[in-house]
Protein backbone atom coordinates (compact mmCIF):
# COMPACT_ATOMS: atom_id res chain seq x y z
CA UNK A 1 44.72 -68.54 -63.34
CA UNK A 2 46.82 -65.39 -62.97
CA UNK A 3 50.33 -65.26 -62.47
CA UNK A 4 50.72 -62.61 -59.89
CA UNK A 5 54.76 -63.00 -59.96
CA UNK A 6 54.60 -61.94 -63.61
CA UNK A 7 51.22 -59.46 -63.19
CA UNK A 8 52.67 -57.61 -60.76
CA UNK A 9 55.69 -56.59 -62.74
CA UNK A 10 53.42 -55.23 -65.65
CA UNK A 11 50.57 -54.16 -63.54
CA UNK A 12 52.16 -51.68 -60.61
CA UNK A 13 51.90 -48.22 -62.29
CA UNK A 14 48.33 -49.13 -63.11
CA UNK A 15 47.24 -50.20 -59.33
CA UNK A 16 49.28 -47.01 -58.38
CA UNK A 17 47.63 -44.53 -60.66
CA UNK A 18 44.26 -45.87 -61.77
CA UNK A 19 41.48 -43.89 -60.49
CA UNK A 20 39.65 -46.41 -58.65
CA UNK A 21 42.93 -47.38 -56.43
CA UNK A 22 43.52 -44.33 -55.55
CA UNK A 23 40.24 -43.43 -54.29
CA UNK A 24 40.05 -46.61 -52.44
CA UNK A 25 43.38 -45.67 -50.61
CA UNK A 26 41.84 -42.57 -49.74
CA UNK A 27 38.90 -44.20 -48.42
CA UNK A 28 40.98 -46.58 -46.52
CA UNK A 29 42.72 -43.78 -44.82
CA UNK A 30 39.83 -42.12 -43.96
CA UNK A 31 38.08 -44.99 -42.18
CA UNK A 32 41.44 -45.66 -40.38
CA UNK A 33 41.72 -42.08 -38.76
CA UNK A 34 40.87 -42.01 -35.19
CA UNK A 35 41.10 -45.72 -34.68
CA UNK A 36 43.48 -46.80 -31.55
CA UNK A 37 45.49 -48.93 -33.19
CA UNK A 38 49.56 -49.96 -32.96
CA UNK A 39 49.40 -53.22 -35.87
CA UNK A 40 48.13 -53.20 -39.31
CA UNK A 41 48.30 -56.36 -42.03
CA UNK A 42 47.32 -55.74 -45.64
CA UNK A 43 46.44 -59.09 -47.13
CA UNK A 44 46.97 -59.27 -50.45
CA UNK A 45 49.37 -56.24 -50.85
CA UNK A 46 50.85 -56.14 -54.27
CA UNK A 47 53.62 -53.68 -54.81
CA UNK A 48 52.83 -51.93 -51.23
CA UNK A 49 51.13 -49.14 -52.41
CA UNK A 50 48.63 -48.77 -49.21
CA UNK A 51 51.42 -49.40 -46.99
CA UNK A 52 53.17 -46.74 -48.10
CA UNK A 53 50.27 -44.52 -47.55
CA UNK A 54 49.41 -46.24 -44.41
CA UNK A 55 52.73 -45.05 -43.15
CA UNK A 56 52.28 -41.47 -44.07
CA UNK A 57 49.16 -41.23 -42.14
CA UNK A 58 50.10 -43.50 -38.97
CA UNK A 59 53.89 -43.01 -38.90
CA UNK A 60 53.77 -44.89 -35.54
CA UNK A 61 51.80 -48.06 -36.53
CA UNK A 62 53.73 -51.62 -37.05
CA UNK A 63 53.15 -52.58 -40.67
CA UNK A 64 53.06 -55.87 -42.07
CA UNK A 65 52.42 -56.72 -45.61
CA UNK A 66 51.73 -60.31 -47.01
CA UNK A 67 51.18 -61.40 -50.68
CA UNK A 68 51.14 -65.04 -52.65
CA UNK A 69 53.87 -63.78 -54.93
CA UNK A 70 57.35 -64.25 -53.29
CA UNK A 71 59.05 -62.40 -56.10
CA UNK A 72 56.83 -59.29 -55.01
CA UNK A 73 57.64 -59.72 -51.33
CA UNK A 74 61.41 -59.74 -52.26
CA UNK A 75 61.08 -56.84 -53.87
CA UNK A 76 59.12 -54.96 -51.27
CA UNK A 77 61.83 -55.70 -48.69
CA UNK A 78 64.18 -54.06 -50.61
CA UNK A 79 61.90 -50.91 -51.68
CA UNK A 80 60.29 -50.57 -48.04
CA UNK A 81 62.65 -51.84 -45.36
CA UNK A 82 60.15 -50.35 -42.94
CA UNK A 83 57.58 -52.83 -43.55
CA UNK A 84 57.87 -56.59 -42.33
CA UNK A 85 56.89 -58.68 -45.64
CA UNK A 86 55.69 -62.26 -45.84
CA UNK A 87 54.52 -64.62 -48.05
CA UNK A 88 51.25 -66.20 -47.69
CA UNK A 89 48.41 -67.72 -50.05
CA UNK A 90 45.45 -66.45 -47.92
CA UNK A 91 43.03 -69.57 -49.45
CA UNK A 92 45.53 -72.06 -47.42
CA UNK A 93 47.30 -69.91 -44.72
CA UNK A 94 47.65 -67.47 -42.17
CA UNK A 95 50.18 -65.78 -39.97
CA UNK A 96 49.74 -67.01 -36.31
CA UNK A 97 49.35 -64.03 -34.72
CA UNK A 98 46.62 -61.19 -34.71
CA UNK A 99 46.40 -57.37 -35.62
CA UNK A 100 44.23 -54.63 -34.49
CA UNK A 101 43.71 -54.20 -38.30
CA UNK A 102 43.75 -56.42 -41.31
CA UNK A 103 43.23 -54.69 -44.49
CA UNK A 104 41.97 -56.95 -47.51
CA UNK A 105 41.50 -54.73 -50.43
CA UNK A 106 40.49 -56.04 -54.07
CA UNK A 107 41.27 -59.68 -53.07
CA UNK A 108 38.39 -61.34 -52.45
CA UNK A 109 37.36 -61.69 -55.70
CA UNK A 110 40.78 -63.58 -56.52
CA UNK A 111 40.67 -66.41 -54.55
CA UNK A 112 39.68 -69.84 -55.46
CA UNK A 113 37.88 -70.00 -52.20
CA UNK A 114 36.56 -66.98 -50.49
CA UNK A 115 34.92 -68.58 -47.03
CA UNK A 116 38.26 -69.88 -46.77
CA UNK A 117 39.99 -66.58 -47.15
CA UNK A 118 37.76 -64.93 -45.16
CA UNK A 119 38.36 -67.67 -42.09
CA UNK A 120 42.06 -66.96 -42.26
CA UNK A 121 41.41 -62.93 -42.20
CA UNK A 122 39.30 -63.76 -39.17
CA UNK A 123 41.86 -65.64 -37.27
CA UNK A 124 44.43 -62.73 -37.65
CA UNK A 125 41.77 -60.25 -36.62
CA UNK A 126 42.40 -58.76 -33.27
CA UNK A 127 39.99 -55.82 -33.27
CA UNK A 128 39.18 -54.37 -37.05
CA UNK A 129 38.85 -56.26 -40.35
CA UNK A 130 38.48 -53.79 -43.42
CA UNK A 131 37.36 -55.25 -46.58
CA UNK A 132 37.21 -53.72 -50.01
CA UNK A 133 35.47 -55.87 -52.80
CA UNK A 134 34.07 -55.15 -56.49
CA UNK A 135 30.69 -55.30 -57.43
CA UNK A 136 28.31 -55.48 -60.77
CA UNK A 137 28.78 -57.95 -63.88
CA UNK A 138 32.44 -59.21 -64.77
CA UNK A 139 33.61 -57.56 -67.36
CA UNK A 140 36.44 -58.39 -69.90
CA UNK A 141 39.16 -56.53 -68.32
CA UNK A 142 38.32 -57.70 -64.56
CA UNK A 143 38.27 -61.65 -66.01
CA UNK A 144 41.47 -61.00 -67.40
CA UNK A 145 43.12 -59.54 -64.16
CA UNK A 146 41.50 -63.02 -62.42
CA UNK A 147 38.27 -62.17 -60.86
CA UNK A 148 36.25 -65.16 -60.31
CA UNK A 149 33.23 -63.54 -58.66
CA UNK A 150 32.07 -60.13 -57.59
CA UNK A 151 29.95 -58.88 -54.74
CA UNK A 152 26.63 -57.19 -53.95
CA UNK A 153 26.90 -55.23 -50.73
CA UNK A 154 24.32 -57.45 -48.88
CA UNK A 155 25.78 -60.59 -49.80
CA UNK A 156 29.10 -59.48 -48.51
CA UNK A 157 27.69 -58.32 -45.23
CA UNK A 158 25.87 -61.76 -44.93
CA UNK A 159 29.20 -63.39 -45.17
CA UNK A 160 30.94 -61.36 -43.20
CA UNK A 161 28.28 -61.98 -40.13
CA UNK A 162 28.57 -65.71 -41.01
CA UNK A 163 32.04 -65.98 -40.09
CA UNK A 164 31.34 -64.38 -36.69
CA UNK A 165 31.86 -60.78 -37.21
CA UNK A 166 30.04 -57.58 -36.29
CA UNK A 167 29.60 -54.98 -38.81
CA UNK A 168 30.69 -51.72 -37.89
CA UNK A 169 30.27 -49.90 -41.25
CA UNK A 170 29.43 -51.25 -44.77
CA UNK A 171 29.10 -48.81 -47.59
CA UNK A 172 28.85 -49.16 -51.59
CA UNK A 173 30.38 -46.50 -54.37
CA UNK A 174 31.00 -45.77 -57.81
CA UNK A 175 27.83 -45.17 -59.24
CA UNK A 176 27.73 -43.53 -61.61
CA UNK A 177 30.89 -42.31 -62.46
CA UNK A 178 32.96 -45.22 -61.78
CA UNK A 179 30.47 -47.61 -63.69
CA UNK A 180 30.29 -45.46 -66.59
CA UNK A 181 34.28 -45.63 -66.64
CA UNK A 182 34.15 -49.34 -66.24
CA UNK A 183 31.43 -49.42 -69.42
CA UNK A 184 34.22 -47.75 -71.69
CA UNK A 185 37.40 -49.03 -70.70
CA UNK A 186 35.66 -52.56 -71.80
CA UNK A 187 34.31 -51.16 -75.09
CA UNK A 188 37.93 -52.28 -76.43
CA UNK A 189 39.51 -54.22 -73.71
CA UNK A 190 42.50 -55.49 -75.52
CA UNK A 191 43.51 -51.71 -76.54
CA UNK A 192 42.75 -50.80 -73.12
CA UNK A 193 45.12 -53.15 -71.45
CA UNK A 194 48.15 -52.38 -73.69
CA UNK A 195 47.28 -48.87 -73.49
CA UNK A 196 46.94 -48.97 -69.91
CA UNK A 197 47.39 -52.29 -67.63
CA UNK A 198 50.64 -53.16 -68.79
CA UNK A 199 53.82 -51.35 -67.98
CA UNK A 200 54.96 -47.88 -67.36
CA UNK A 201 52.50 -44.79 -67.19
CA UNK A 202 53.66 -41.60 -68.69
CA UNK A 203 52.34 -38.27 -67.86
C-alpha cells in the first residue's frame, strides 16, 4: 500500500500540473456549472487543488474536503482555511451528514474495497455523486501510485446502479492522445517518476 502522508509531499506539483489532472478538474467544473447546489464534498481530496478551483467557480458554496492522510489534512487547514477539512478513510467510514454534491475523483482505484467505499459515498450524497476513475491496463507508473484496479465505463455504471443510484451522465475520454501519453511515460517508468512524479516542477 502507498503511504499517502509521504506521497502527497512528493506528488503535489505532479497532481497540480499533470495534463490529465488539469483536464479532469476542467471537466468537473463544467459538469457542476448550472447545478443548484449549496454544499460540496471532495472525497480523497489530497492537497485540495480541485477545491481551489471549485471556490473560484462556486464562490458561495460551502466546501468540505476529506482525505485519509491526516498530515495532508493538517497542512490543508493552514493553506486553505476557507475549506472545512476532515480525516476520513472512505473504505471504512463516512461523515454523518449529506452534501448536495459529492466528488470522488481518481480514488476508487486505490481503495482496498471499492464496493464499501462506494456505499460510504452514497451515504453522504444528498443529490449528486460525481466519480472519475482510470480505465485501461494498469501500467508500472499507476501501480507505483497504488492503483489496485481500473474500470470500464459499463462496469462502473453497473456498480453505481447496484448501489441504488440513477445515472444522469457518463462518459469516457482520453483516446487516443492520453492513451499514447500513458504508453510513452511508461517506456522508462523509473525515469519518468524521478523526473516528473516527485518534488517541485519547474517551467
